[in-house]
Amino acid sequence: MAAVLRPYHPSDLAAIYRICLLTGAAGGDATALYRNPDLLAHVYAGPYPVADPGLTFVVADETGVVGYVVGTADTAAFDAWLDAHWWPTLRAQHPLQVDPGDGTEDHVLVERIHAWTHTPDELLDRYPAHMHIDLLPRAQGQGWGRRLVGALGGALRERGVGGLHLGVDARNTSAIAFYERVGFRRARTHDWGATLVLDL
């Protein structure tokens, strides 16, 4: 079967978790970085389709899901939802850890889960939505990334959302180039990367 882009179904969640890990090292495979393979998606993918499944889309072929976009229409409201519904259980399940010194980074993500911060930002006034997108290597370079951004952008426009932002790791130069090709522009530069924005 040819690959298709479709709305998220709850049965896709496990595949989203797997793809998040396989692309989680600045676009490369992060499997070796985490003893718990679910932690990365607990932070950067899993909560989105739970909070608002209408803003998640997937690309699937005969092997299953090969890519996805997850998003929220209102970052400030999403952060409040995380505080109320997502972080409490994860904090109970994952107590703070010390760095084991073996090159793994579970302790870094666990610290983020316990100390998630959301500072009011004037950027959210114009670009309240944000997203994360990941495609397995075999699905890249075929236009699926552009179509996923288009599907999410269309859903956000239907809700009256005027702008979208995202953060990109500075090491992921191919992702930055892709986002700029589909219309994003750089709004902020950080020590870890850049915040890009898109007018909808």
N, C-alpha and C. Protein backbone atom coordinates (compact mmCIF):
# COMPACT_ATOMS: atom_id res chain seq x y z
N MET A 1 0.84 -1.18 0.00
CA MET A 1 0.00 0.00 0.00
C MET A 1 0.88 1.24 0.00
N ALA A 2 0.44 2.23 -0.77
CA ALA A 2 1.17 3.50 -0.80
C ALA A 2 0.96 4.23 0.53
N ALA A 3 1.94 5.01 0.90
CA ALA A 3 1.83 5.77 2.15
C ALA A 3 0.70 6.78 2.04
N VAL A 4 0.05 7.02 3.16
CA VAL A 4 -1.05 7.99 3.22
C VAL A 4 -0.88 8.86 4.45
N LEU A 5 -1.40 10.07 4.36
CA LEU A 5 -1.48 10.97 5.51
C LEU A 5 -2.91 10.91 6.02
N ARG A 6 -3.08 10.71 7.30
CA ARG A 6 -4.43 10.60 7.87
C ARG A 6 -4.46 11.16 9.28
N PRO A 7 -5.66 11.42 9.82
CA PRO A 7 -5.76 11.85 11.21
C PRO A 7 -5.30 10.75 12.16
N TYR A 8 -4.87 11.16 13.31
CA TYR A 8 -4.43 10.24 14.38
C TYR A 8 -5.56 9.33 14.84
N HIS A 9 -5.18 8.09 15.14
CA HIS A 9 -6.06 7.13 15.81
C HIS A 9 -5.35 6.67 17.07
N PRO A 10 -6.07 6.40 18.17
CA PRO A 10 -5.39 5.99 19.41
C PRO A 10 -4.42 4.81 19.25
N SER A 11 -4.67 3.94 18.28
CA SER A 11 -3.76 2.81 18.06
C SER A 11 -2.40 3.24 17.52
N ASP A 12 -2.27 4.51 17.11
CA ASP A 12 -1.00 5.03 16.60
C ASP A 12 -0.03 5.43 17.70
N LEU A 13 -0.48 5.51 18.94
CA LEU A 13 0.34 6.12 19.98
C LEU A 13 1.67 5.38 20.19
N ALA A 14 1.64 4.05 20.19
CA ALA A 14 2.88 3.30 20.40
C ALA A 14 3.89 3.60 19.29
N ALA A 15 3.42 3.71 18.06
CA ALA A 15 4.32 4.02 16.95
C ALA A 15 4.89 5.43 17.08
N ILE A 16 4.09 6.38 17.54
CA ILE A 16 4.59 7.73 17.76
C ILE A 16 5.71 7.71 18.79
N TYR A 17 5.53 6.96 19.86
CA TYR A 17 6.58 6.84 20.87
C TYR A 17 7.86 6.26 20.26
N ARG A 18 7.71 5.24 19.43
CA ARG A 18 8.89 4.59 18.83
C ARG A 18 9.61 5.56 17.90
N ILE A 19 8.86 6.27 17.06
CA ILE A 19 9.47 7.20 16.10
C ILE A 19 10.14 8.36 16.83
N CYS A 20 9.52 8.84 17.91
CA CYS A 20 10.13 9.91 18.69
C CYS A 20 11.52 9.50 19.17
N LEU A 21 11.66 8.26 19.64
CA LEU A 21 12.96 7.78 20.10
C LEU A 21 13.94 7.61 18.94
N LEU A 22 13.48 7.07 17.82
CA LEU A 22 14.36 6.78 16.70
C LEU A 22 14.83 8.03 15.97
N THR A 23 14.22 9.18 16.25
CA THR A 23 14.62 10.45 15.63
C THR A 23 15.02 11.48 16.67
N GLY A 24 15.18 11.05 17.93
CA GLY A 24 15.31 11.99 19.04
C GLY A 24 16.68 12.54 19.33
N ALA A 25 17.69 12.14 18.58
CA ALA A 25 19.05 12.68 18.79
C ALA A 25 19.36 13.63 17.65
N ALA A 26 18.76 14.82 17.70
CA ALA A 26 18.92 15.82 16.65
C ALA A 26 18.61 15.22 15.28
N GLY A 27 17.56 14.41 15.22
CA GLY A 27 17.13 13.78 13.99
C GLY A 27 17.60 12.35 13.83
N GLY A 28 18.57 11.92 14.65
CA GLY A 28 19.09 10.56 14.60
C GLY A 28 18.52 9.69 15.70
N ASP A 29 18.94 8.44 15.72
CA ASP A 29 18.44 7.44 16.66
C ASP A 29 18.96 7.72 18.07
N ALA A 30 18.03 7.91 19.01
CA ALA A 30 18.40 8.22 20.40
C ALA A 30 18.32 6.99 21.30
N THR A 31 18.16 5.81 20.74
CA THR A 31 17.95 4.61 21.55
C THR A 31 19.04 4.42 22.59
N ALA A 32 20.29 4.65 22.20
CA ALA A 32 21.42 4.42 23.11
C ALA A 32 21.48 5.44 24.24
N LEU A 33 20.73 6.54 24.14
CA LEU A 33 20.82 7.60 25.14
C LEU A 33 19.90 7.37 26.33
N TYR A 34 18.93 6.45 26.21
CA TYR A 34 17.92 6.32 27.25
C TYR A 34 17.73 4.87 27.67
N ARG A 35 17.82 4.64 28.96
CA ARG A 35 17.51 3.30 29.48
C ARG A 35 16.00 3.05 29.42
N ASN A 36 15.21 4.10 29.66
CA ASN A 36 13.76 4.01 29.53
C ASN A 36 13.38 4.57 28.16
N PRO A 37 12.94 3.72 27.23
CA PRO A 37 12.70 4.20 25.86
C PRO A 37 11.49 5.11 25.71
N ASP A 38 10.66 5.21 26.76
CA ASP A 38 9.45 6.02 26.67
C ASP A 38 9.63 7.46 27.13
N LEU A 39 10.72 7.76 27.83
CA LEU A 39 10.84 9.07 28.46
C LEU A 39 10.80 10.22 27.46
N LEU A 40 11.48 10.07 26.35
CA LEU A 40 11.56 11.17 25.39
C LEU A 40 10.17 11.53 24.88
N ALA A 41 9.39 10.52 24.52
CA ALA A 41 8.05 10.80 24.01
C ALA A 41 7.10 11.26 25.11
N HIS A 42 7.32 10.83 26.35
CA HIS A 42 6.51 11.34 27.46
C HIS A 42 6.58 12.87 27.51
N VAL A 43 7.73 13.43 27.12
CA VAL A 43 7.92 14.87 27.18
C VAL A 43 7.52 15.55 25.87
N TYR A 44 7.91 14.97 24.73
CA TYR A 44 7.84 15.71 23.47
C TYR A 44 6.81 15.21 22.46
N ALA A 45 6.08 14.14 22.76
CA ALA A 45 5.10 13.66 21.79
C ALA A 45 3.82 13.17 22.45
N GLY A 46 3.92 12.32 23.47
CA GLY A 46 2.77 11.64 24.04
C GLY A 46 1.64 12.50 24.51
N PRO A 47 1.89 13.62 25.18
CA PRO A 47 0.76 14.38 25.73
C PRO A 47 -0.13 15.03 24.68
N TYR A 48 0.40 15.31 23.50
CA TYR A 48 -0.36 16.09 22.51
C TYR A 48 -1.61 15.37 22.02
N PRO A 49 -1.50 14.12 21.51
CA PRO A 49 -2.72 13.46 21.06
C PRO A 49 -3.67 13.09 22.20
N VAL A 50 -3.16 13.02 23.42
CA VAL A 50 -4.04 12.78 24.56
C VAL A 50 -4.82 14.06 24.88
N ALA A 51 -4.13 15.19 24.89
CA ALA A 51 -4.78 16.47 25.21
C ALA A 51 -5.73 16.92 24.11
N ASP A 52 -5.35 16.72 22.83
CA ASP A 52 -6.14 17.23 21.71
C ASP A 52 -5.85 16.39 20.47
N PRO A 53 -6.49 15.22 20.34
CA PRO A 53 -6.17 14.33 19.22
C PRO A 53 -6.45 14.92 17.85
N GLY A 54 -7.28 15.94 17.78
CA GLY A 54 -7.58 16.55 16.49
C GLY A 54 -6.44 17.31 15.87
N LEU A 55 -5.36 17.52 16.61
CA LEU A 55 -4.19 18.23 16.08
C LEU A 55 -2.99 17.31 15.92
N THR A 56 -3.24 16.02 15.78
CA THR A 56 -2.18 15.06 15.47
C THR A 56 -2.54 14.36 14.17
N PHE A 57 -1.53 14.27 13.28
CA PHE A 57 -1.69 13.59 12.00
C PHE A 57 -0.50 12.65 11.81
N VAL A 58 -0.73 11.55 11.10
CA VAL A 58 0.33 10.57 10.88
C VAL A 58 0.46 10.25 9.40
N VAL A 59 1.65 9.77 9.02
CA VAL A 59 1.89 9.17 7.71
C VAL A 59 2.08 7.68 7.96
N ALA A 60 1.34 6.86 7.23
CA ALA A 60 1.41 5.42 7.41
C ALA A 60 1.54 4.73 6.06
N ASP A 61 2.33 3.63 6.03
CA ASP A 61 2.42 2.78 4.85
C ASP A 61 2.10 1.35 5.26
N GLU A 62 2.46 0.39 4.44
CA GLU A 62 2.11 -0.99 4.73
C GLU A 62 2.80 -1.53 5.98
N THR A 63 3.85 -0.88 6.43
CA THR A 63 4.55 -1.32 7.64
C THR A 63 4.00 -0.67 8.90
N GLY A 64 3.17 0.35 8.74
CA GLY A 64 2.65 1.08 9.89
C GLY A 64 2.97 2.55 9.81
N VAL A 65 2.92 3.23 10.94
CA VAL A 65 3.17 4.67 10.99
C VAL A 65 4.66 4.94 10.81
N VAL A 66 4.98 5.87 9.90
CA VAL A 66 6.38 6.21 9.62
C VAL A 66 6.69 7.67 9.92
N GLY A 67 5.69 8.44 10.32
CA GLY A 67 5.92 9.84 10.66
C GLY A 67 4.68 10.45 11.28
N TYR A 68 4.87 11.61 11.92
CA TYR A 68 3.74 12.25 12.58
C TYR A 68 4.02 13.73 12.79
N VAL A 69 2.96 14.47 13.01
CA VAL A 69 3.04 15.81 13.57
C VAL A 69 2.08 15.87 14.74
N VAL A 70 2.54 16.41 15.85
CA VAL A 70 1.69 16.65 17.01
C VAL A 70 1.71 18.15 17.30
N GLY A 71 0.60 18.66 17.82
CA GLY A 71 0.58 20.09 18.08
C GLY A 71 -0.48 20.48 19.09
N THR A 72 -0.40 21.73 19.48
CA THR A 72 -1.41 22.33 20.34
C THR A 72 -1.73 23.71 19.79
N ALA A 73 -2.98 24.11 19.91
CA ALA A 73 -3.40 25.42 19.41
C ALA A 73 -3.05 26.55 20.35
N ASP A 74 -2.85 26.23 21.63
CA ASP A 74 -2.66 27.26 22.66
C ASP A 74 -1.61 26.76 23.65
N THR A 75 -0.39 27.22 23.49
CA THR A 75 0.72 26.72 24.31
C THR A 75 0.50 26.97 25.79
N ALA A 76 -0.01 28.14 26.14
CA ALA A 76 -0.21 28.45 27.56
C ALA A 76 -1.26 27.52 28.17
N ALA A 77 -2.36 27.28 27.46
CA ALA A 77 -3.39 26.38 27.96
C ALA A 77 -2.87 24.94 28.03
N PHE A 78 -2.04 24.56 27.07
CA PHE A 78 -1.45 23.22 27.06
C PHE A 78 -0.53 23.03 28.26
N ASP A 79 0.26 24.04 28.57
CA ASP A 79 1.13 23.94 29.75
C ASP A 79 0.30 23.76 31.03
N ALA A 80 -0.82 24.46 31.12
CA ALA A 80 -1.70 24.30 32.28
C ALA A 80 -2.28 22.89 32.32
N TRP A 81 -2.62 22.34 31.16
CA TRP A 81 -3.13 20.96 31.09
C TRP A 81 -2.05 19.97 31.55
N LEU A 82 -0.82 20.19 31.11
CA LEU A 82 0.28 19.32 31.54
C LEU A 82 0.40 19.32 33.07
N ASP A 83 0.36 20.51 33.64
CA ASP A 83 0.49 20.63 35.10
C ASP A 83 -0.62 19.88 35.83
N ALA A 84 -1.82 19.92 35.26
CA ALA A 84 -2.97 19.32 35.95
C ALA A 84 -3.12 17.83 35.66
N HIS A 85 -2.79 17.39 34.44
CA HIS A 85 -3.19 16.05 34.02
C HIS A 85 -2.05 15.13 33.59
N TRP A 86 -0.88 15.67 33.27
CA TRP A 86 0.18 14.84 32.69
C TRP A 86 1.36 14.66 33.64
N TRP A 87 1.91 15.76 34.13
CA TRP A 87 3.12 15.67 34.95
C TRP A 87 2.91 14.97 36.29
N PRO A 88 1.79 15.13 36.99
CA PRO A 88 1.70 14.52 38.33
C PRO A 88 1.96 13.01 38.33
N THR A 89 1.37 12.29 37.40
CA THR A 89 1.58 10.84 37.36
C THR A 89 3.02 10.50 36.99
N LEU A 90 3.57 11.21 36.01
CA LEU A 90 4.94 10.94 35.60
C LEU A 90 5.93 11.27 36.71
N ARG A 91 5.67 12.33 37.46
CA ARG A 91 6.55 12.66 38.58
C ARG A 91 6.52 11.58 39.65
N ALA A 92 5.35 11.00 39.87
CA ALA A 92 5.25 9.91 40.84
C ALA A 92 5.96 8.66 40.35
N GLN A 93 5.90 8.41 39.07
CA GLN A 93 6.51 7.20 38.50
C GLN A 93 8.02 7.31 38.33
N HIS A 94 8.51 8.55 38.19
CA HIS A 94 9.93 8.76 37.87
C HIS A 94 10.55 9.75 38.86
N PRO A 95 11.00 9.28 40.01
CA PRO A 95 11.67 10.18 40.95
C PRO A 95 12.96 10.73 40.35
N LEU A 96 13.37 11.88 40.86
CA LEU A 96 14.60 12.50 40.38
C LEU A 96 15.78 11.54 40.51
N GLN A 97 16.68 11.61 39.53
CA GLN A 97 17.83 10.71 39.47
C GLN A 97 19.11 11.51 39.43
N VAL A 98 20.19 10.85 39.80
CA VAL A 98 21.51 11.44 39.61
C VAL A 98 22.08 10.93 38.30
N ASP A 99 23.01 11.65 37.74
CA ASP A 99 23.67 11.23 36.50
C ASP A 99 24.47 9.97 36.79
N PRO A 100 24.14 8.85 36.12
CA PRO A 100 24.87 7.62 36.39
C PRO A 100 26.27 7.60 35.79
N GLY A 101 26.59 8.59 34.97
CA GLY A 101 27.92 8.67 34.40
C GLY A 101 28.19 7.67 33.29
N ASP A 102 27.12 7.10 32.71
CA ASP A 102 27.31 6.11 31.65
C ASP A 102 26.93 6.64 30.27
N GLY A 103 26.71 7.94 30.17
CA GLY A 103 26.37 8.54 28.88
C GLY A 103 24.89 8.57 28.59
N THR A 104 24.07 7.97 29.45
CA THR A 104 22.63 8.02 29.23
C THR A 104 22.06 9.32 29.79
N GLU A 105 20.87 9.68 29.32
CA GLU A 105 20.31 10.99 29.65
C GLU A 105 18.92 10.92 30.27
N ASP A 106 18.56 9.77 30.83
CA ASP A 106 17.26 9.66 31.48
C ASP A 106 17.10 10.73 32.56
N HIS A 107 18.17 10.96 33.32
CA HIS A 107 18.09 11.92 34.43
C HIS A 107 17.78 13.33 33.95
N VAL A 108 18.20 13.66 32.72
CA VAL A 108 17.94 14.99 32.17
C VAL A 108 16.44 15.16 31.90
N LEU A 109 15.83 14.14 31.29
CA LEU A 109 14.40 14.23 31.00
C LEU A 109 13.57 14.16 32.27
N VAL A 110 13.99 13.34 33.23
CA VAL A 110 13.25 13.26 34.49
C VAL A 110 13.28 14.62 35.20
N GLU A 111 14.42 15.30 35.13
CA GLU A 111 14.49 16.64 35.73
C GLU A 111 13.54 17.60 35.03
N ARG A 112 13.42 17.49 33.70
CA ARG A 112 12.48 18.36 32.98
C ARG A 112 11.04 18.06 33.40
N ILE A 113 10.73 16.79 33.59
CA ILE A 113 9.38 16.41 34.02
C ILE A 113 9.06 17.04 35.37
N HIS A 114 10.05 17.06 36.27
CA HIS A 114 9.83 17.60 37.61
C HIS A 114 9.91 19.12 37.67
N ALA A 115 10.61 19.72 36.73
CA ALA A 115 10.84 21.17 36.81
C ALA A 115 10.42 21.86 35.52
N TRP A 116 9.34 21.38 34.91
CA TRP A 116 8.86 21.98 33.66
C TRP A 116 8.47 23.43 33.92
N THR A 117 9.04 24.32 33.17
CA THR A 117 8.77 25.75 33.37
C THR A 117 8.14 26.33 32.11
N HIS A 118 7.25 27.26 32.31
CA HIS A 118 6.64 27.95 31.18
C HIS A 118 6.52 29.42 31.55
N THR A 119 7.44 30.18 31.01
CA THR A 119 7.48 31.61 31.28
C THR A 119 6.62 32.34 30.27
N PRO A 120 5.76 33.26 30.71
CA PRO A 120 4.98 34.05 29.75
C PRO A 120 5.90 34.70 28.72
N ASP A 121 5.50 34.65 27.49
CA ASP A 121 6.36 35.11 26.40
C ASP A 121 5.50 35.86 25.40
N GLU A 122 5.93 37.06 25.05
CA GLU A 122 5.14 37.84 24.09
C GLU A 122 5.05 37.16 22.73
N LEU A 123 5.95 36.24 22.43
CA LEU A 123 5.90 35.49 21.18
C LEU A 123 4.57 34.73 21.06
N LEU A 124 4.03 34.27 22.20
CA LEU A 124 2.80 33.49 22.18
C LEU A 124 1.58 34.32 21.80
N ASP A 125 1.67 35.63 21.92
CA ASP A 125 0.54 36.47 21.53
C ASP A 125 0.24 36.32 20.04
N ARG A 126 1.29 36.24 19.24
CA ARG A 126 1.12 36.13 17.79
C ARG A 126 1.23 34.69 17.31
N TYR A 127 2.00 33.87 18.03
CA TYR A 127 2.25 32.49 17.60
C TYR A 127 1.92 31.53 18.75
N PRO A 128 0.63 31.42 19.10
CA PRO A 128 0.27 30.64 20.29
C PRO A 128 0.41 29.13 20.12
N ALA A 129 0.32 28.64 18.90
CA ALA A 129 0.39 27.20 18.65
C ALA A 129 1.85 26.75 18.59
N HIS A 130 2.10 25.49 18.91
CA HIS A 130 3.41 24.91 18.63
C HIS A 130 3.25 23.45 18.23
N MET A 131 4.33 22.88 17.69
CA MET A 131 4.26 21.54 17.11
C MET A 131 5.59 20.82 17.24
N HIS A 132 5.54 19.49 17.08
CA HIS A 132 6.72 18.64 16.90
C HIS A 132 6.41 17.71 15.73
N ILE A 133 7.40 17.50 14.89
CA ILE A 133 7.22 16.65 13.72
C ILE A 133 8.42 15.72 13.60
N ASP A 134 8.16 14.46 13.28
CA ASP A 134 9.23 13.48 13.10
C ASP A 134 8.85 12.50 12.00
N LEU A 135 9.84 12.17 11.16
CA LEU A 135 9.67 11.18 10.11
C LEU A 135 10.85 10.21 10.16
N LEU A 136 10.57 8.93 10.03
CA LEU A 136 11.64 7.96 9.90
C LEU A 136 12.42 8.23 8.61
N PRO A 137 13.71 7.88 8.58
CA PRO A 137 14.52 8.17 7.38
C PRO A 137 13.89 7.69 6.08
N ARG A 138 13.25 6.52 6.08
CA ARG A 138 12.71 6.01 4.82
C ARG A 138 11.52 6.82 4.31
N ALA A 139 10.96 7.68 5.16
CA ALA A 139 9.83 8.51 4.74
C ALA A 139 10.26 9.95 4.46
N GLN A 140 11.53 10.25 4.60
CA GLN A 140 12.01 11.61 4.40
C GLN A 140 12.29 11.87 2.93
N GLY A 141 12.29 13.15 2.56
CA GLY A 141 12.61 13.54 1.20
C GLY A 141 11.54 13.24 0.18
N GLN A 142 10.32 12.97 0.63
CA GLN A 142 9.23 12.62 -0.28
C GLN A 142 8.05 13.61 -0.17
N GLY A 143 8.25 14.70 0.53
CA GLY A 143 7.20 15.70 0.66
C GLY A 143 6.25 15.49 1.82
N TRP A 144 6.46 14.43 2.63
CA TRP A 144 5.54 14.17 3.73
C TRP A 144 5.65 15.23 4.82
N GLY A 145 6.83 15.72 5.06
CA GLY A 145 6.99 16.75 6.08
C GLY A 145 6.17 17.99 5.75
N ARG A 146 6.27 18.42 4.50
CA ARG A 146 5.49 19.59 4.06
C ARG A 146 4.00 19.32 4.22
N ARG A 147 3.57 18.11 3.86
CA ARG A 147 2.14 17.79 3.95
C ARG A 147 1.67 17.71 5.40
N LEU A 148 2.50 17.20 6.27
CA LEU A 148 2.13 17.16 7.69
C LEU A 148 1.98 18.58 8.25
N VAL A 149 2.94 19.45 7.92
CA VAL A 149 2.83 20.85 8.36
C VAL A 149 1.56 21.47 7.79
N GLY A 150 1.26 21.17 6.53
CA GLY A 150 0.06 21.71 5.91
C GLY A 150 -1.21 21.21 6.57
N ALA A 151 -1.24 19.93 6.95
CA ALA A 151 -2.43 19.38 7.61
C ALA A 151 -2.65 20.04 8.96
N LEU A 152 -1.58 20.19 9.74
CA LEU A 152 -1.72 20.84 11.04
C LEU A 152 -2.08 22.31 10.86
N GLY A 153 -1.42 22.99 9.93
CA GLY A 153 -1.73 24.40 9.69
C GLY A 153 -3.18 24.61 9.31
N GLY A 154 -3.72 23.71 8.47
CA GLY A 154 -5.12 23.82 8.09
C GLY A 154 -6.05 23.64 9.28
N ALA A 155 -5.73 22.66 10.14
CA ALA A 155 -6.57 22.44 11.33
C ALA A 155 -6.51 23.63 12.28
N LEU A 156 -5.33 24.25 12.39
CA LEU A 156 -5.20 25.41 13.27
C LEU A 156 -5.95 26.61 12.68
N ARG A 157 -5.86 26.81 11.37
CA ARG A 157 -6.59 27.93 10.76
C ARG A 157 -8.09 27.78 10.96
N GLU A 158 -8.58 26.54 10.89
CA GLU A 158 -10.02 26.31 11.12
C GLU A 158 -10.44 26.73 12.53
N ARG A 159 -9.48 26.72 13.45
CA ARG A 159 -9.77 27.14 14.83
C ARG A 159 -9.48 28.62 15.06
N GLY A 160 -9.07 29.32 14.00
CA GLY A 160 -8.81 30.74 14.11
C GLY A 160 -7.45 31.09 14.68
N VAL A 161 -6.51 30.13 14.64
CA VAL A 161 -5.16 30.37 15.17
C VAL A 161 -4.32 31.04 14.10
N GLY A 162 -3.62 32.11 14.47
CA GLY A 162 -2.90 32.90 13.48
C GLY A 162 -1.44 32.59 13.31
N GLY A 163 -0.85 31.84 14.26
CA GLY A 163 0.59 31.61 14.15
C GLY A 163 1.05 30.40 14.93
N LEU A 164 2.18 29.85 14.50
CA LEU A 164 2.72 28.59 15.00
C LEU A 164 4.20 28.77 15.27
N HIS A 165 4.71 28.16 16.34
CA HIS A 165 6.15 28.22 16.59
C HIS A 165 6.67 26.83 16.94
N LEU A 166 7.99 26.69 16.89
CA LEU A 166 8.64 25.44 17.30
C LEU A 166 10.10 25.73 17.61
N GLY A 167 10.71 24.82 18.36
CA GLY A 167 12.12 24.91 18.67
C GLY A 167 12.89 23.83 17.93
N VAL A 168 14.09 24.17 17.46
CA VAL A 168 14.92 23.22 16.72
C VAL A 168 16.33 23.22 17.30
N ASP A 169 16.85 22.02 17.52
CA ASP A 169 18.22 21.84 17.99
C ASP A 169 19.19 22.39 16.94
N ALA A 170 20.18 23.13 17.39
CA ALA A 170 21.15 23.72 16.47
C ALA A 170 21.88 22.67 15.64
N ARG A 171 22.03 21.46 16.18
CA ARG A 171 22.73 20.40 15.45
C ARG A 171 21.91 19.86 14.29
N ASN A 172 20.61 20.08 14.32
CA ASN A 172 19.72 19.50 13.31
C ASN A 172 19.56 20.49 12.15
N THR A 173 20.65 20.68 11.42
CA THR A 173 20.67 21.69 10.35
C THR A 173 19.71 21.33 9.21
N SER A 174 19.53 20.04 8.95
CA SER A 174 18.62 19.66 7.87
C SER A 174 17.18 20.03 8.23
N ALA A 175 16.81 19.88 9.52
CA ALA A 175 15.46 20.26 9.94
C ALA A 175 15.26 21.76 9.83
N ILE A 176 16.25 22.54 10.24
CA ILE A 176 16.14 24.00 10.13
C ILE A 176 15.95 24.39 8.67
N ALA A 177 16.72 23.77 7.77
CA ALA A 177 16.58 24.08 6.34
C ALA A 177 15.20 23.70 5.83
N PHE A 178 14.67 22.56 6.28
CA PHE A 178 13.32 22.14 5.87
C PHE A 178 12.28 23.17 6.32
N TYR A 179 12.33 23.55 7.60
CA TYR A 179 11.32 24.49 8.10
C TYR A 179 11.37 25.81 7.36
N GLU A 180 12.57 26.26 7.05
CA GLU A 180 12.68 27.52 6.30
C GLU A 180 12.10 27.37 4.89
N ARG A 181 12.25 26.19 4.30
CA ARG A 181 11.68 25.97 2.96
C ARG A 181 10.17 26.00 2.97
N VAL A 182 9.56 25.55 4.06
CA VAL A 182 8.08 25.53 4.10
C VAL A 182 7.49 26.81 4.68
N GLY A 183 8.33 27.81 4.95
CA GLY A 183 7.80 29.12 5.31
C GLY A 183 8.09 29.62 6.70
N PHE A 184 8.72 28.81 7.54
CA PHE A 184 9.10 29.29 8.87
C PHE A 184 10.24 30.29 8.75
N ARG A 185 10.31 31.18 9.73
CA ARG A 185 11.45 32.10 9.82
C ARG A 185 11.98 32.10 11.25
N ARG A 186 13.22 32.43 11.38
CA ARG A 186 13.87 32.42 12.69
C ARG A 186 13.44 33.64 13.50
N ALA A 187 12.88 33.39 14.69
CA ALA A 187 12.47 34.49 15.56
C ALA A 187 13.43 34.70 16.71
N ARG A 188 14.04 33.61 17.19
CA ARG A 188 14.97 33.69 18.32
C ARG A 188 16.11 32.71 18.09
N THR A 189 17.29 33.07 18.56
CA THR A 189 18.43 32.16 18.57
C THR A 189 18.83 31.92 20.01
N HIS A 190 19.06 30.66 20.37
CA HIS A 190 19.40 30.26 21.74
C HIS A 190 20.72 29.50 21.73
N ASP A 191 21.26 29.24 22.92
CA ASP A 191 22.49 28.45 22.96
C ASP A 191 22.25 27.02 22.49
N TRP A 192 20.99 26.54 22.59
CA TRP A 192 20.68 25.17 22.19
C TRP A 192 20.16 25.07 20.76
N GLY A 193 19.76 26.19 20.16
CA GLY A 193 19.18 26.12 18.83
C GLY A 193 18.42 27.38 18.47
N ALA A 194 17.23 27.22 17.90
CA ALA A 194 16.47 28.37 17.42
C ALA A 194 14.97 28.14 17.61
N THR A 195 14.24 29.24 17.81
CA THR A 195 12.79 29.23 17.76
C THR A 195 12.39 29.79 16.40
N LEU A 196 11.60 29.00 15.68
CA LEU A 196 11.12 29.40 14.36
C LEU A 196 9.62 29.64 14.43
N VAL A 197 9.12 30.53 13.58
CA VAL A 197 7.70 30.88 13.60
C VAL A 197 7.13 30.84 12.19
N LEU A 198 5.82 30.59 12.13
CA LEU A 198 5.10 30.51 10.86
C LEU A 198 3.78 31.25 10.99
N ASP A 199 3.54 32.21 10.12
CA ASP A 199 2.23 32.89 10.08
C ASP A 199 1.26 32.00 9.32
N LEU A 200 0.09 31.78 9.92
CA LEU A 200 -0.93 30.94 9.30
C LEU A 200 -1.98 31.76 8.57
